[in-house]
Amino acid sequence: MNAWDAVGYLAAGLVFAAFCMREILHLRIVAVASNVAFLAYGIALGLMPVWLLHLVLLPVNLMRLWQFVGRIATDATEDHGESRVVVRRARRIRVEQAVRPAQQL
């Protein structure tokens, strides 16, 4: 196995890891890393479909990562002059759904 094969296996492992992620922030970071690894692999071996695909996916993942980070920053609120981060909407909904059945009893 040569170095470029190792880069290809690393990239494939990163894609697999991204599919196993539950947190969107971690998923996007790993997806960006896999795009970079596949770009290097595809360019080094002259695999145009591989590097072209990841050249297109890289800005998509970066844009989604930027949007997510911006949404977290927007969710930050002021509480008596001290900054605190509000629980993300998805987590809040999960908590509300878990509390509702108990309240109905």
PDB file of N, CA and C in Angstrom:
ATOM      1  N   MET A   1       0.853  -1.177   0.000  1.00  0.00           N
ATOM      2  CA  MET A   1       0.000   0.000   0.000  1.00  0.00           C
ATOM      3  C   MET A   1       0.898   1.239   0.000  1.00  0.00           C
ATOM      4  N   ASN A   2       0.587   2.164  -0.881  1.00  0.00           N
ATOM      5  CA  ASN A   2       1.363   3.401  -0.930  1.00  0.00           C
ATOM      6  C   ASN A   2       0.649   4.511  -0.142  1.00  0.00           C
ATOM      7  N   ALA A   3       1.266   5.674  -0.098  1.00  0.00           N
ATOM      8  CA  ALA A   3       0.728   6.782   0.696  1.00  0.00           C
ATOM      9  C   ALA A   3      -0.637   7.233   0.190  1.00  0.00           C
ATOM     10  N   TRP A   4      -0.850   7.223  -1.122  1.00  0.00           N
ATOM     11  CA  TRP A   4      -2.131   7.692  -1.653  1.00  0.00           C
ATOM     12  C   TRP A   4      -3.251   6.716  -1.350  1.00  0.00           C
ATOM     13  N   ASP A   5      -2.919   5.422  -1.288  1.00  0.00           N
ATOM     14  CA  ASP A   5      -3.930   4.456  -0.852  1.00  0.00           C
ATOM     15  C   ASP A   5      -4.354   4.756   0.588  1.00  0.00           C
ATOM     16  N   ALA A   6      -3.383   5.094   1.421  1.00  0.00           N
ATOM     17  CA  ALA A   6      -3.689   5.426   2.813  1.00  0.00           C
ATOM     18  C   ALA A   6      -4.588   6.658   2.891  1.00  0.00           C
ATOM     19  N   VAL A   7      -4.330   7.652   2.040  1.00  0.00           N
ATOM     20  CA  VAL A   7      -5.186   8.849   2.012  1.00  0.00           C
ATOM     21  C   VAL A   7      -6.596   8.473   1.574  1.00  0.00           C
ATOM     22  N   GLY A   8      -6.709   7.583   0.599  1.00  0.00           N
ATOM     23  CA  GLY A   8      -8.024   7.123   0.146  1.00  0.00           C
ATOM     24  C   GLY A   8      -8.784   6.390   1.234  1.00  0.00           C
ATOM     25  N   TYR A   9      -8.089   5.519   1.976  1.00  0.00           N
ATOM     26  CA  TYR A   9      -8.733   4.809   3.084  1.00  0.00           C
ATOM     27  C   TYR A   9      -9.123   5.770   4.207  1.00  0.00           C
ATOM     28  N   LEU A  10      -8.271   6.751   4.459  1.00  0.00           N
ATOM     29  CA  LEU A  10      -8.600   7.771   5.458  1.00  0.00           C
ATOM     30  C   LEU A  10      -9.865   8.524   5.056  1.00  0.00           C
ATOM     31  N   ALA A  11      -9.928   8.932   3.797  1.00  0.00           N
ATOM     32  CA  ALA A  11     -11.097   9.659   3.294  1.00  0.00           C
ATOM     33  C   ALA A  11     -12.356   8.805   3.401  1.00  0.00           C
ATOM     34  N   ALA A  12     -12.248   7.539   3.029  1.00  0.00           N
ATOM     35  CA  ALA A  12     -13.401   6.635   3.125  1.00  0.00           C
ATOM     36  C   ALA A  12     -13.817   6.452   4.581  1.00  0.00           C
ATOM     37  N   GLY A  13     -12.857   6.333   5.472  1.00  0.00           N
ATOM     38  CA  GLY A  13     -13.166   6.213   6.896  1.00  0.00           C
ATOM     39  C   GLY A  13     -13.851   7.445   7.444  1.00  0.00           C
ATOM     40  N   LEU A  14     -13.433   8.614   6.961  1.00  0.00           N
ATOM     41  CA  LEU A  14     -14.079   9.857   7.392  1.00  0.00           C
ATOM     42  C   LEU A  14     -15.523   9.931   6.907  1.00  0.00           C
ATOM     43  N   VAL A  15     -15.781   9.462   5.705  1.00  0.00           N
ATOM     44  CA  VAL A  15     -17.161   9.441   5.202  1.00  0.00           C
ATOM     45  C   VAL A  15     -18.003   8.499   6.058  1.00  0.00           C
ATOM     46  N   PHE A  16     -17.445   7.327   6.376  1.00  0.00           N
ATOM     47  CA  PHE A  16     -18.163   6.381   7.230  1.00  0.00           C
ATOM     48  C   PHE A  16     -18.450   7.005   8.595  1.00  0.00           C
ATOM     49  N   ALA A  17     -17.453   7.672   9.156  1.00  0.00           N
ATOM     50  CA  ALA A  17     -17.629   8.334  10.458  1.00  0.00           C
ATOM     51  C   ALA A  17     -18.710   9.409  10.385  1.00  0.00           C
ATOM     52  N   ALA A  18     -18.737  10.159   9.282  1.00  0.00           N
ATOM     53  CA  ALA A  18     -19.753  11.211   9.121  1.00  0.00           C
ATOM     54  C   ALA A  18     -21.157  10.619   9.121  1.00  0.00           C
ATOM     55  N   PHE A  19     -21.323   9.458   8.501  1.00  0.00           N
ATOM     56  CA  PHE A  19     -22.641   8.819   8.469  1.00  0.00           C
ATOM     57  C   PHE A  19     -23.067   8.312   9.849  1.00  0.00           C
ATOM     58  N   CYS A  20     -22.111   8.097  10.734  1.00  0.00           N
ATOM     59  CA  CYS A  20     -22.412   7.603  12.083  1.00  0.00           C
ATOM     60  C   CYS A  20     -22.639   8.715  13.097  1.00  0.00           C
ATOM     61  N   MET A  21     -22.418   9.960  12.710  1.00  0.00           N
ATOM     62  CA  MET A  21     -22.510  11.085  13.639  1.00  0.00           C
ATOM     63  C   MET A  21     -23.966  11.441  13.923  1.00  0.00           C
ATOM     64  N   ARG A  22     -24.198  11.863  15.160  1.00  0.00           N
ATOM     65  CA  ARG A  22     -25.527  12.343  15.530  1.00  0.00           C
ATOM     66  C   ARG A  22     -25.571  13.858  15.596  1.00  0.00           C
ATOM     67  N   GLU A  23     -24.492  14.475  15.995  1.00  0.00           N
ATOM     68  CA  GLU A  23     -24.426  15.928  16.115  1.00  0.00           C
ATOM     69  C   GLU A  23     -24.051  16.543  14.769  1.00  0.00           C
ATOM     70  N   ILE A  24     -24.823  17.496  14.317  1.00  0.00           N
ATOM     71  CA  ILE A  24     -24.624  18.087  12.994  1.00  0.00           C
ATOM     72  C   ILE A  24     -23.301  18.840  12.898  1.00  0.00           C
ATOM     73  N   LEU A  25     -22.874  19.469  13.970  1.00  0.00           N
ATOM     74  CA  LEU A  25     -21.610  20.199  13.950  1.00  0.00           C
ATOM     75  C   LEU A  25     -20.449  19.248  13.676  1.00  0.00           C
ATOM     76  N   HIS A  26     -20.414  18.129  14.395  1.00  0.00           N
ATOM     77  CA  HIS A  26     -19.355  17.148  14.186  1.00  0.00           C
ATOM     78  C   HIS A  26     -19.438  16.526  12.789  1.00  0.00           C
ATOM     79  N   LEU A  27     -20.650  16.259  12.343  1.00  0.00           N
ATOM     80  CA  LEU A  27     -20.839  15.690  11.015  1.00  0.00           C
ATOM     81  C   LEU A  27     -20.259  16.603   9.940  1.00  0.00           C
ATOM     82  N   ARG A  28     -20.548  17.891  10.018  1.00  0.00           N
ATOM     83  CA  ARG A  28     -20.050  18.824   8.999  1.00  0.00           C
ATOM     84  C   ARG A  28     -18.538  18.961   9.047  1.00  0.00           C
ATOM     85  N   ILE A  29     -17.955  18.967  10.233  1.00  0.00           N
ATOM     86  CA  ILE A  29     -16.501  19.061  10.342  1.00  0.00           C
ATOM     87  C   ILE A  29     -15.840  17.839   9.728  1.00  0.00           C
ATOM     88  N   VAL A  30     -16.360  16.659  10.030  1.00  0.00           N
ATOM     89  CA  VAL A  30     -15.804  15.419   9.475  1.00  0.00           C
ATOM     90  C   VAL A  30     -16.048  15.361   7.965  1.00  0.00           C
ATOM     91  N   ALA A  31     -17.199  15.842   7.509  1.00  0.00           N
ATOM     92  CA  ALA A  31     -17.485  15.854   6.072  1.00  0.00           C
ATOM     93  C   ALA A  31     -16.517  16.769   5.321  1.00  0.00           C
ATOM     94  N   VAL A  32     -16.196  17.917   5.898  1.00  0.00           N
ATOM     95  CA  VAL A  32     -15.220  18.822   5.275  1.00  0.00           C
ATOM     96  C   VAL A  32     -13.857  18.139   5.210  1.00  0.00           C
ATOM     97  N   ALA A  33     -13.460  17.462   6.291  1.00  0.00           N
ATOM     98  CA  ALA A  33     -12.179  16.748   6.303  1.00  0.00           C
ATOM     99  C   ALA A  33     -12.154  15.641   5.250  1.00  0.00           C
ATOM    100  N   SER A  34     -13.269  14.932   5.087  1.00  0.00           N
ATOM    101  CA  SER A  34     -13.315  13.880   4.067  1.00  0.00           C
ATOM    102  C   SER A  34     -13.264  14.476   2.659  1.00  0.00           C
ATOM    103  N   ASN A  35     -13.905  15.618   2.454  1.00  0.00           N
ATOM    104  CA  ASN A  35     -13.827  16.287   1.149  1.00  0.00           C
ATOM    105  C   ASN A  35     -12.395  16.664   0.810  1.00  0.00           C
ATOM    106  N   VAL A  36     -11.674  17.209   1.780  1.00  0.00           N
ATOM    107  CA  VAL A  36     -10.277  17.593   1.556  1.00  0.00           C
ATOM    108  C   VAL A  36      -9.429  16.356   1.261  1.00  0.00           C
ATOM    109  N   ALA A  37      -9.632  15.284   2.031  1.00  0.00           N
ATOM    110  CA  ALA A  37      -8.859  14.050   1.811  1.00  0.00           C
ATOM    111  C   ALA A  37      -9.164  13.458   0.437  1.00  0.00           C
ATOM    112  N   PHE A  38     -10.439  13.418   0.053  1.00  0.00           N
ATOM    113  CA  PHE A  38     -10.788  12.885  -1.265  1.00  0.00           C
ATOM    114  C   PHE A  38     -10.288  13.782  -2.394  1.00  0.00           C
ATOM    115  N   LEU A  39     -10.263  15.076  -2.167  1.00  0.00           N
ATOM    116  CA  LEU A  39      -9.690  15.975  -3.175  1.00  0.00           C
ATOM    117  C   LEU A  39      -8.219  15.650  -3.403  1.00  0.00           C
ATOM    118  N   ALA A  40      -7.468  15.499  -2.325  1.00  0.00           N
ATOM    119  CA  ALA A  40      -6.048  15.159  -2.442  1.00  0.00           C
ATOM    120  C   ALA A  40      -5.869  13.823  -3.135  1.00  0.00           C
ATOM    121  N   TYR A  41      -6.658  12.842  -2.746  1.00  0.00           N
ATOM    122  CA  TYR A  41      -6.590  11.498  -3.320  1.00  0.00           C
ATOM    123  C   TYR A  41      -6.925  11.531  -4.815  1.00  0.00           C
ATOM    124  N   GLY A  42      -8.027  12.189  -5.154  1.00  0.00           N
ATOM    125  CA  GLY A  42      -8.465  12.228  -6.548  1.00  0.00           C
ATOM    126  C   GLY A  42      -7.509  12.987  -7.450  1.00  0.00           C
ATOM    127  N   ILE A  43      -6.984  14.099  -6.962  1.00  0.00           N
ATOM    128  CA  ILE A  43      -6.037  14.885  -7.767  1.00  0.00           C
ATOM    129  C   ILE A  43      -4.733  14.120  -7.936  1.00  0.00           C
ATOM    130  N   ALA A  44      -4.247  13.511  -6.850  1.00  0.00           N
ATOM    131  CA  ALA A  44      -2.968  12.789  -6.902  1.00  0.00           C
ATOM    132  C   ALA A  44      -3.008  11.618  -7.879  1.00  0.00           C
ATOM    133  N   LEU A  45      -4.137  10.938  -7.952  1.00  0.00           N
ATOM    134  CA  LEU A  45      -4.240   9.763  -8.817  1.00  0.00           C
ATOM    135  C   LEU A  45      -4.932  10.052 -10.140  1.00  0.00           C
ATOM    136  N   GLY A  46      -5.295  11.302 -10.358  1.00  0.00           N
ATOM    137  CA  GLY A  46      -5.932  11.672 -11.621  1.00  0.00           C
ATOM    138  C   GLY A  46      -7.333  11.117 -11.781  1.00  0.00           C
ATOM    139  N   LEU A  47      -8.065  10.993 -10.680  1.00  0.00           N
ATOM    140  CA  LEU A  47      -9.430  10.469 -10.709  1.00  0.00           C
ATOM    141  C   LEU A  47     -10.410  11.634 -10.761  1.00  0.00           C
ATOM    142  N   MET A  48     -10.681  12.072 -11.980  1.00  0.00           N
ATOM    143  CA  MET A  48     -11.493  13.272 -12.161  1.00  0.00           C
ATOM    144  C   MET A  48     -12.869  13.184 -11.510  1.00  0.00           C
ATOM    145  N   PRO A  49     -13.625  12.082 -11.630  1.00  0.00           N
ATOM    146  CA  PRO A  49     -14.946  12.062 -10.981  1.00  0.00           C
ATOM    147  C   PRO A  49     -14.866  12.221  -9.464  1.00  0.00           C
ATOM    148  N   VAL A  50     -13.820  11.677  -8.863  1.00  0.00           N
ATOM    149  CA  VAL A  50     -13.676  11.761  -7.403  1.00  0.00           C
ATOM    150  C   VAL A  50     -13.378  13.191  -6.978  1.00  0.00           C
ATOM    151  N   TRP A  51     -12.345  13.790  -7.566  1.00  0.00           N
ATOM    152  CA  TRP A  51     -11.987  15.142  -7.113  1.00  0.00           C
ATOM    153  C   TRP A  51     -13.013  16.173  -7.539  1.00  0.00           C
ATOM    154  N   LEU A  52     -13.680  15.966  -8.682  1.00  0.00           N
ATOM    155  CA  LEU A  52     -14.701  16.903  -9.118  1.00  0.00           C
ATOM    156  C   LEU A  52     -15.906  16.883  -8.165  1.00  0.00           C
ATOM    157  N   LEU A  53     -16.327  15.680  -7.766  1.00  0.00           N
ATOM    158  CA  LEU A  53     -17.434  15.557  -6.812  1.00  0.00           C
ATOM    159  C   LEU A  53     -17.106  16.266  -5.501  1.00  0.00           C
ATOM    160  N   HIS A  54     -15.920  16.041  -4.976  1.00  0.00           N
ATOM    161  CA  HIS A  54     -15.572  16.621  -3.682  1.00  0.00           C
ATOM    162  C   HIS A  54     -15.217  18.100  -3.784  1.00  0.00           C
ATOM    163  N   LEU A  55     -14.853  18.533  -4.966  1.00  0.00           N
ATOM    164  CA  LEU A  55     -14.665  19.966  -5.194  1.00  0.00           C
ATOM    165  C   LEU A  55     -16.006  20.689  -5.117  1.00  0.00           C
ATOM    166  N   VAL A  56     -17.071  20.032  -5.545  1.00  0.00           N
ATOM    167  CA  VAL A  56     -18.416  20.598  -5.473  1.00  0.00           C
ATOM    168  C   VAL A  56     -18.987  20.469  -4.054  1.00  0.00           C
ATOM    169  N   LEU A  57     -18.728  19.327  -3.394  1.00  0.00           N
ATOM    170  CA  LEU A  57     -19.270  19.102  -2.056  1.00  0.00           C
ATOM    171  C   LEU A  57     -18.598  19.946  -0.981  1.00  0.00           C
ATOM    172  N   LEU A  58     -17.331  20.285  -1.164  1.00  0.00           N
ATOM    173  CA  LEU A  58     -16.611  21.049  -0.151  1.00  0.00           C
ATOM    174  C   LEU A  58     -17.279  22.392   0.156  1.00  0.00           C
ATOM    175  N   PRO A  59     -17.601  23.229  -0.843  1.00  0.00           N
ATOM    176  CA  PRO A  59     -18.287  24.490  -0.507  1.00  0.00           C
ATOM    177  C   PRO A  59     -19.682  24.271   0.079  1.00  0.00           C
ATOM    178  N   VAL A  60     -20.361  23.198  -0.325  1.00  0.00           N
ATOM    179  CA  VAL A  60     -21.681  22.911   0.247  1.00  0.00           C
ATOM    180  C   VAL A  60     -21.544  22.633   1.744  1.00  0.00           C
ATOM    181  N   ASN A  61     -20.595  21.768   2.112  1.00  0.00           N
ATOM    182  CA  ASN A  61     -20.391  21.448   3.521  1.00  0.00           C
ATOM    183  C   ASN A  61     -19.895  22.654   4.312  1.00  0.00           C
ATOM    184  N   LEU A  62     -19.021  23.453   3.715  1.00  0.00           N
ATOM    185  CA  LEU A  62     -18.544  24.655   4.393  1.00  0.00           C
ATOM    186  C   LEU A  62     -19.680  25.654   4.616  1.00  0.00           C
ATOM    187  N   MET A  63     -20.556  25.801   3.617  1.00  0.00           N
ATOM    188  CA  MET A  63     -21.687  26.715   3.743  1.00  0.00           C
ATOM    189  C   MET A  63     -22.640  26.236   4.840  1.00  0.00           C
ATOM    190  N   ARG A  64     -22.945  24.949   4.864  1.00  0.00           N
ATOM    191  CA  ARG A  64     -23.844  24.403   5.888  1.00  0.00           C
ATOM    192  C   ARG A  64     -23.226  24.518   7.282  1.00  0.00           C
ATOM    193  N   LEU A  65     -21.913  24.306   7.371  1.00  0.00           N
ATOM    194  CA  LEU A  65     -21.221  24.468   8.648  1.00  0.00           C
ATOM    195  C   LEU A  65     -21.305  25.920   9.110  1.00  0.00           C
ATOM    196  N   TRP A  66     -21.074  26.852   8.202  1.00  0.00           N
ATOM    197  CA  TRP A  66     -21.143  28.276   8.517  1.00  0.00           C
ATOM    198  C   TRP A  66     -22.557  28.661   8.968  1.00  0.00           C
ATOM    199  N   GLN A  67     -23.582  28.137   8.280  1.00  0.00           N
ATOM    200  CA  GLN A  67     -24.965  28.418   8.654  1.00  0.00           C
ATOM    201  C   GLN A  67     -25.272  27.893  10.052  1.00  0.00           C
ATOM    202  N   PHE A  68     -24.780  26.700  10.345  1.00  0.00           N
ATOM    203  CA  PHE A  68     -25.041  26.103  11.658  1.00  0.00           C
ATOM    204  C   PHE A  68     -24.372  26.905  12.763  1.00  0.00           C
ATOM    205  N   VAL A  69     -23.128  27.290  12.542  1.00  0.00           N
ATOM    206  CA  VAL A  69     -22.411  28.090  13.535  1.00  0.00           C
ATOM    207  C   VAL A  69     -23.096  29.441  13.698  1.00  0.00           C
ATOM    208  N   GLY A  70     -23.564  30.022  12.614  1.00  0.00           N
ATOM    209  CA  GLY A  70     -24.290  31.288  12.696  1.00  0.00           C
ATOM    210  C   GLY A  70     -25.594  31.150  13.458  1.00  0.00           C
ATOM    211  N   ARG A  71     -26.264  30.031  13.305  1.00  0.00           N
ATOM    212  CA  ARG A  71     -27.518  29.799  14.025  1.00  0.00           C
ATOM    213  C   ARG A  71     -27.258  29.655  15.520  1.00  0.00           C
ATOM    214  N   ILE A  72     -26.164  29.009  15.882  1.00  0.00           N
ATOM    215  CA  ILE A  72     -25.811  28.893  17.298  1.00  0.00           C
ATOM    216  C   ILE A  72     -25.531  30.275  17.873  1.00  0.00           C
ATOM    217  N   ALA A  73     -24.800  31.088  17.117  1.00  0.00           N
ATOM    218  CA  ALA A  73     -24.486  32.443  17.584  1.00  0.00           C
ATOM    219  C   ALA A  73     -25.752  33.282  17.711  1.00  0.00           C
ATOM    220  N   THR A  74     -26.701  33.081  16.809  1.00  0.00           N
ATOM    221  CA  THR A  74     -27.962  33.830  16.858  1.00  0.00           C
ATOM    222  C   THR A  74     -28.797  33.409  18.058  1.00  0.00           C
ATOM    223  N   ASP A  75     -28.683  32.142  18.445  1.00  0.00           N
ATOM    224  CA  ASP A  75     -29.451  31.639  19.585  1.00  0.00           C
ATOM    225  C   ASP A  75     -28.908  32.134  20.922  1.00  0.00           C
ATOM    226  N   ALA A  76     -27.748  32.759  20.907  1.00  0.00           N
ATOM    227  CA  ALA A  76     -27.198  33.289  22.156  1.00  0.00           C
ATOM    228  C   ALA A  76     -28.054  34.470  22.611  1.00  0.00           C
ATOM    229  N   THR A  77     -28.376  34.499  23.872  1.00  0.00           N
ATOM    230  CA  THR A  77     -29.211  35.591  24.392  1.00  0.00           C
ATOM    231  C   THR A  77     -28.542  36.213  25.607  1.00  0.00           C
ATOM    232  N   GLU A  78     -29.047  37.389  25.978  1.00  0.00           N
ATOM    233  CA  GLU A  78     -28.553  38.082  27.167  1.00  0.00           C
ATOM    234  C   GLU A  78     -29.488  37.763  28.337  1.00  0.00           C
ATOM    235  N   ASP A  79     -28.896  37.465  29.496  1.00  0.00           N
ATOM    236  CA  ASP A  79     -29.678  37.192  30.690  1.00  0.00           C
ATOM    237  C   ASP A  79     -29.092  38.003  31.838  1.00  0.00           C
ATOM    238  N   HIS A  80     -29.696  39.141  32.147  1.00  0.00           N
ATOM    239  CA  HIS A  80     -29.222  40.044  33.192  1.00  0.00           C
ATOM    240  C   HIS A  80     -27.772  40.453  32.957  1.00  0.00           C
ATOM    241  N   GLY A  81     -27.449  40.756  31.726  1.00  0.00           N
ATOM    242  CA  GLY A  81     -26.112  41.228  31.393  1.00  0.00           C
ATOM    243  C   GLY A  81     -25.089  40.130  31.190  1.00  0.00           C
ATOM    244  N   GLU A  82     -25.426  38.881  31.505  1.00  0.00           N
ATOM    245  CA  GLU A  82     -24.495  37.778  31.317  1.00  0.00           C
ATOM    246  C   GLU A  82     -24.933  36.966  30.102  1.00  0.00           C
ATOM    247  N   SER A  83     -23.986  36.642  29.258  1.00  0.00           N
ATOM    248  CA  SER A  83     -24.318  35.867  28.064  1.00  0.00           C
ATOM    249  C   SER A  83     -24.515  34.410  28.433  1.00  0.00           C
ATOM    250  N   ARG A  84     -25.489  33.810  27.805  1.00  0.00           N
ATOM    251  CA  ARG A  84     -25.676  32.371  27.950  1.00  0.00           C
ATOM    252  C   ARG A  84     -26.172  31.844  26.614  1.00  0.00           C
ATOM    253  N   VAL A  85     -25.927  30.608  26.343  1.00  0.00           N
ATOM    254  CA  VAL A  85     -26.357  29.994  25.092  1.00  0.00           C
ATOM    255  C   VAL A  85     -27.666  29.270  25.351  1.00  0.00           C
ATOM    256  N   VAL A  86     -28.645  29.586  24.547  1.00  0.00           N
ATOM    257  CA  VAL A  86     -29.951  28.955  24.664  1.00  0.00           C
ATOM    258  C   VAL A  86     -29.863  27.555  24.066  1.00  0.00           C
ATOM    259  N   VAL A  87     -30.544  26.640  24.681  1.00  0.00           N
ATOM    260  CA  VAL A  87     -30.559  25.266  24.174  1.00  0.00           C
ATOM    261  C   VAL A  87     -31.136  25.281  22.776  1.00  0.00           C
ATOM    262  N   ARG A  88     -30.483  24.543  21.882  1.00  0.00           N
ATOM    263  CA  ARG A  88     -30.945  24.522  20.496  1.00  0.00           C
ATOM    264  C   ARG A  88     -32.385  24.038  20.417  1.00  0.00           C
ATOM    265  N   ARG A  89     -33.083  24.520  19.410  1.00  0.00           N
ATOM    266  CA  ARG A  89     -34.504  24.200  19.255  1.00  0.00           C
ATOM    267  C   ARG A  89     -34.764  22.702  19.238  1.00  0.00           C
ATOM    268  N   ALA A  90     -33.931  21.949  18.544  1.00  0.00           N
ATOM    269  CA  ALA A  90     -34.153  20.506  18.435  1.00  0.00           C
ATOM    270  C   ALA A  90     -34.093  19.845  19.807  1.00  0.00           C
ATOM    271  N   ARG A  91     -33.152  20.250  20.635  1.00  0.00           N
ATOM    272  CA  ARG A  91     -33.057  19.672  21.969  1.00  0.00           C
ATOM    273  C   ARG A  91     -34.251  20.096  22.817  1.00  0.00           C
ATOM    274  N   ARG A  92     -34.673  21.333  22.662  1.00  0.00           N
ATOM    275  CA  ARG A  92     -35.812  21.838  23.419  1.00  0.00           C
ATOM    276  C   ARG A  92     -37.067  21.045  23.056  1.00  0.00           C
ATOM    277  N   ILE A  93     -37.241  20.752  21.795  1.00  0.00           N
ATOM    278  CA  ILE A  93     -38.416  19.995  21.352  1.00  0.00           C
ATOM    279  C   ILE A  93     -38.378  18.597  21.945  1.00  0.00           C
ATOM    280  N   ARG A  94     -37.194  17.954  21.942  1.00  0.00           N
ATOM    281  CA  ARG A  94     -37.078  16.620  22.522  1.00  0.00           C
ATOM    282  C   ARG A  94     -37.443  16.635  24.009  1.00  0.00           C
ATOM    283  N   VAL A  95     -37.011  17.650  24.730  1.00  0.00           N
ATOM    284  CA  VAL A  95     -37.313  17.751  26.151  1.00  0.00           C
ATOM    285  C   VAL A  95     -38.806  17.963  26.346  1.00  0.00           C
ATOM    286  N   GLU A  96     -39.405  18.843  25.553  1.00  0.00           N
ATOM    287  CA  GLU A  96     -40.838  19.096  25.672  1.00  0.00           C
ATOM    288  C   GLU A  96     -41.641  17.841  25.375  1.00  0.00           C
ATOM    289  N   GLN A  97     -41.221  17.063  24.378  1.00  0.00           N
ATOM    290  CA  GLN A  97     -41.926  15.834  24.046  1.00  0.00           C
ATOM    291  C   GLN A  97     -41.791  14.808  25.160  1.00  0.00           C
ATOM    292  N   ALA A  98     -40.667  14.787  25.829  1.00  0.00           N
ATOM    293  CA  ALA A  98     -40.459  13.842  26.926  1.00  0.00           C
ATOM    294  C   ALA A  98     -41.276  14.247  28.148  1.00  0.00           C
ATOM    295  N   VAL A  99     -41.515  15.543  28.345  1.00  0.00           N
ATOM    296  CA  VAL A  99     -42.231  16.035  29.517  1.00  0.00           C
ATOM    297  C   VAL A  99     -43.746  15.902  29.326  1.00  0.00           C
ATOM    298  N   ARG A 100     -44.241  16.079  28.120  1.00  0.00           N
ATOM    299  CA  ARG A 100     -45.684  16.055  27.873  1.00  0.00           C
ATOM    300  C   ARG A 100     -46.382  14.796  28.382  1.00  0.00           C
ATOM    301  N   PRO A 101     -45.885  13.584  28.062  1.00  0.00           N
ATOM    302  CA  PRO A 101     -46.605  12.404  28.546  1.00  0.00           C
ATOM    303  C   PRO A 101     -46.695  12.360  30.073  1.00  0.00           C
ATOM    304  N   ALA A 102     -45.698  12.843  30.779  1.00  0.00           N
ATOM    305  CA  ALA A 102     -45.741  12.856  32.235  1.00  0.00           C
ATOM    306  C   ALA A 102     -46.786  13.850  32.742  1.00  0.00           C
ATOM    307  N   GLN A 103     -46.960  14.955  32.035  1.00  0.00           N
ATOM    308  CA  GLN A 103     -47.919  15.968  32.455  1.00  0.00           C
ATOM    309  C   GLN A 103     -49.361  15.499  32.216  1.00  0.00           C
ATOM    310  N   GLN A 104     -49.555  14.628  31.247  1.00  0.00           N
ATOM    311  CA  GLN A 104     -50.896  14.171  30.913  1.00  0.00           C
ATOM    312  C   GLN A 104     -51.433  13.180  31.945  1.00  0.00           C
ATOM    313  N   LEU A 105     -50.562  12.596  32.766  1.00  0.00           N
ATOM    314  CA  LEU A 105     -51.006  11.655  33.778  1.00  0.00           C
ATOM    315  C   LEU A 105     -51.730  12.341  34.841  1.00  0.00           C
TER     316      LEU A 105
END
